[in-house]
């Protein structure tokens, strides 16, 4: 690379092909979660992480699945919107707690609340989905996918 050449992303994937396979396996771990709830979680986490590529991808998937565009638009403000039901609120609260680990809400307490609302299996699937999309967000941001 010569002087004045801008780096647009880290060339990780060509040198560590196991990474993408690992991320795909991690994604499959949350595959049992309801599709629309999964996409809501992935969209919200991607918004929090600033991954434009992933926000676009998952918001488009929501809309293609027939999601009300108003809900997609107000997703960052879900706590103050009446458009989300208790199950979705529990999943989004857990996703946010696991994404913003330094936040004031301890993830373990939020997880217990999610178990109460969603049940143990669905809460675990939300956690797995959140962990997976967090990893993908970081990979995509590091790879320069923001510029798509």
Protein backbone atom coordinates (compact mmCIF):
# COMPACT_ATOMS: atom_id res chain seq x y z
CA UNK A 1 0.00 0.00 0.00
CA UNK A 2 1.43 3.34 -1.00
CA UNK A 3 1.31 6.75 0.65
CA UNK A 4 -2.10 8.32 0.72
CA UNK A 5 -3.89 4.99 0.23
CA UNK A 6 -6.80 4.73 2.64
CA UNK A 7 -7.47 1.52 4.52
CA UNK A 8 -11.16 0.70 4.16
CA UNK A 9 -11.24 -2.44 6.26
CA UNK A 10 -9.12 -5.16 7.75
CA UNK A 11 -8.47 -8.10 5.43
CA UNK A 12 -9.23 -10.68 8.10
CA UNK A 13 -11.33 -13.26 6.27
CA UNK A 14 -8.74 -14.29 3.64
CA UNK A 15 -6.19 -15.01 6.34
CA UNK A 16 -8.48 -16.59 8.94
CA UNK A 17 -11.14 -18.54 7.01
CA UNK A 18 -12.13 -20.35 10.20
CA UNK A 19 -13.51 -17.07 11.52
CA UNK A 20 -16.46 -16.91 9.12
CA UNK A 21 -17.18 -20.60 9.65
CA UNK A 22 -17.14 -20.01 13.40
CA UNK A 23 -19.47 -17.03 13.08
CA UNK A 24 -21.84 -19.12 10.96
CA UNK A 25 -21.83 -21.84 13.61
CA UNK A 26 -22.47 -19.26 16.31
CA UNK A 27 -25.42 -17.93 14.31
CA UNK A 28 -26.90 -21.43 14.04
CA UNK A 29 -26.89 -21.69 17.84
CA UNK A 30 -29.78 -19.20 17.99
CA UNK A 31 -31.65 -20.64 15.02
CA UNK A 32 -34.60 -21.90 17.08
CA UNK A 33 -35.74 -18.38 17.99
CA UNK A 34 -38.89 -17.09 16.28
CA UNK A 35 -37.79 -15.45 13.01
CA UNK A 36 -39.34 -12.04 13.53
CA UNK A 37 -38.13 -11.80 17.14
CA UNK A 38 -34.67 -12.87 15.99
CA UNK A 39 -34.59 -10.11 13.36
CA UNK A 40 -35.79 -7.51 15.88
CA UNK A 41 -32.95 -8.50 18.20
CA UNK A 42 -30.38 -8.51 15.38
CA UNK A 43 -31.54 -5.12 14.12
CA UNK A 44 -31.47 -3.52 17.58
CA UNK A 45 -28.05 -4.92 18.49
CA UNK A 46 -26.67 -3.82 15.12
CA UNK A 47 -28.03 -0.32 15.75
CA UNK A 48 -26.31 -0.23 19.13
CA UNK A 49 -23.04 -1.39 17.58
CA UNK A 50 -23.21 1.03 14.67
CA UNK A 51 -23.01 -1.67 12.01
CA UNK A 52 -24.75 -0.01 9.06
CA UNK A 53 -24.46 -3.11 6.87
CA UNK A 54 -26.14 -5.33 9.47
CA UNK A 55 -28.84 -2.76 10.34
CA UNK A 56 -29.73 -2.52 6.66
CA UNK A 57 -29.70 -6.30 6.20
CA UNK A 58 -31.87 -7.14 9.22
CA UNK A 59 -34.27 -4.19 8.91
CA UNK A 60 -34.85 -5.22 5.28
CA UNK A 61 -35.52 -8.80 6.42
CA UNK A 62 -38.09 -7.50 8.91
CA UNK A 63 -39.85 -5.44 6.25
CA UNK A 64 -39.78 -8.36 3.78
CA UNK A 65 -41.43 -10.51 6.47
CA UNK A 66 -44.28 -8.00 6.65
CA UNK A 67 -43.13 -6.10 9.74
CA UNK A 68 -44.86 -2.74 10.26
CA UNK A 69 -42.31 -0.14 9.08
CA UNK A 70 -43.26 2.06 12.06
CA UNK A 71 -41.93 -0.59 14.44
CA UNK A 72 -38.65 -0.78 12.53
CA UNK A 73 -38.39 3.02 12.59
CA UNK A 74 -38.96 3.34 16.34
CA UNK A 75 -36.91 0.29 17.35
CA UNK A 76 -34.15 2.44 18.97
CA UNK A 77 -36.86 3.91 21.22
CA UNK A 78 -38.73 0.66 21.92
CA UNK A 79 -38.86 1.34 25.66
CA UNK A 80 -41.08 4.38 25.14
CA UNK A 81 -43.23 2.87 22.38
CA UNK A 82 -46.48 0.96 22.75
CA UNK A 83 -45.76 -0.92 19.53
CA UNK A 84 -43.84 -3.74 21.24
CA UNK A 85 -45.45 -6.50 23.30
CA UNK A 86 -44.11 -7.83 26.63
CA UNK A 87 -42.32 -10.75 24.96
CA UNK A 88 -40.51 -8.46 22.53
CA UNK A 89 -39.67 -6.02 25.33
CA UNK A 90 -38.11 -8.81 27.38
CA UNK A 91 -36.05 -9.99 24.40
CA UNK A 92 -34.91 -6.46 23.52
CA UNK A 93 -34.00 -5.68 27.15
CA UNK A 94 -31.89 -8.84 27.31
CA UNK A 95 -30.25 -8.10 23.95
CA UNK A 96 -29.36 -4.58 25.09
CA UNK A 97 -28.02 -5.79 28.45
CA UNK A 98 -25.79 -8.36 26.72
CA UNK A 99 -24.62 -5.85 24.12
CA UNK A 100 -23.89 -2.95 26.47
CA UNK A 101 -22.15 -5.00 29.14
CA UNK A 102 -20.94 -1.85 30.89
CA UNK A 103 -24.51 -0.60 31.28
CA UNK A 104 -26.20 -0.18 34.64
CA UNK A 105 -28.53 -3.14 34.09
CA UNK A 106 -26.80 -6.38 35.16
CA UNK A 107 -27.25 -8.94 32.41
CA UNK A 108 -28.02 -11.74 34.91
CA UNK A 109 -30.99 -9.85 36.37
CA UNK A 110 -32.33 -8.97 32.92
CA UNK A 111 -31.89 -12.60 31.87
CA UNK A 112 -34.02 -13.76 34.82
CA UNK A 113 -36.75 -11.29 33.82
CA UNK A 114 -36.56 -12.59 30.25
CA UNK A 115 -36.90 -16.18 31.49
CA UNK A 116 -40.06 -15.16 33.35
CA UNK A 117 -41.56 -13.61 30.20
CA UNK A 118 -40.16 -15.87 27.47
CA UNK A 119 -39.34 -19.16 29.19
CA UNK A 120 -35.88 -20.65 29.65
CA UNK A 121 -35.36 -21.93 26.11
CA UNK A 122 -36.45 -18.73 24.33
CA UNK A 123 -34.41 -16.55 26.71
CA UNK A 124 -31.35 -18.71 26.02
CA UNK A 125 -32.00 -18.43 22.27
CA UNK A 126 -32.25 -14.63 22.56
CA UNK A 127 -28.92 -14.65 24.40
CA UNK A 128 -27.33 -16.88 21.73
CA UNK A 129 -28.75 -14.70 18.93
CA UNK A 130 -27.42 -11.58 20.66
CA UNK A 131 -23.96 -13.05 21.15
CA UNK A 132 -23.89 -14.12 17.50
CA UNK A 133 -24.95 -10.79 16.03
CA UNK A 134 -22.53 -8.94 18.30
CA UNK A 135 -19.72 -11.05 16.85
CA UNK A 136 -20.93 -10.51 13.27
CA UNK A 137 -21.23 -6.75 13.86
CA UNK A 138 -17.64 -6.57 15.01
CA UNK A 139 -16.43 -8.65 12.08
CA UNK A 140 -18.38 -6.57 9.54
CA UNK A 141 -17.26 -3.25 11.04
CA UNK A 142 -13.63 -4.41 11.16
CA UNK A 143 -13.88 -5.62 7.56
CA UNK A 144 -15.14 -2.23 6.36
CA UNK A 145 -18.62 -3.41 5.41
CA UNK A 146 -20.00 -0.06 6.60
CA UNK A 147 -19.10 1.42 3.29
CA UNK A 148 -21.48 -0.74 1.26
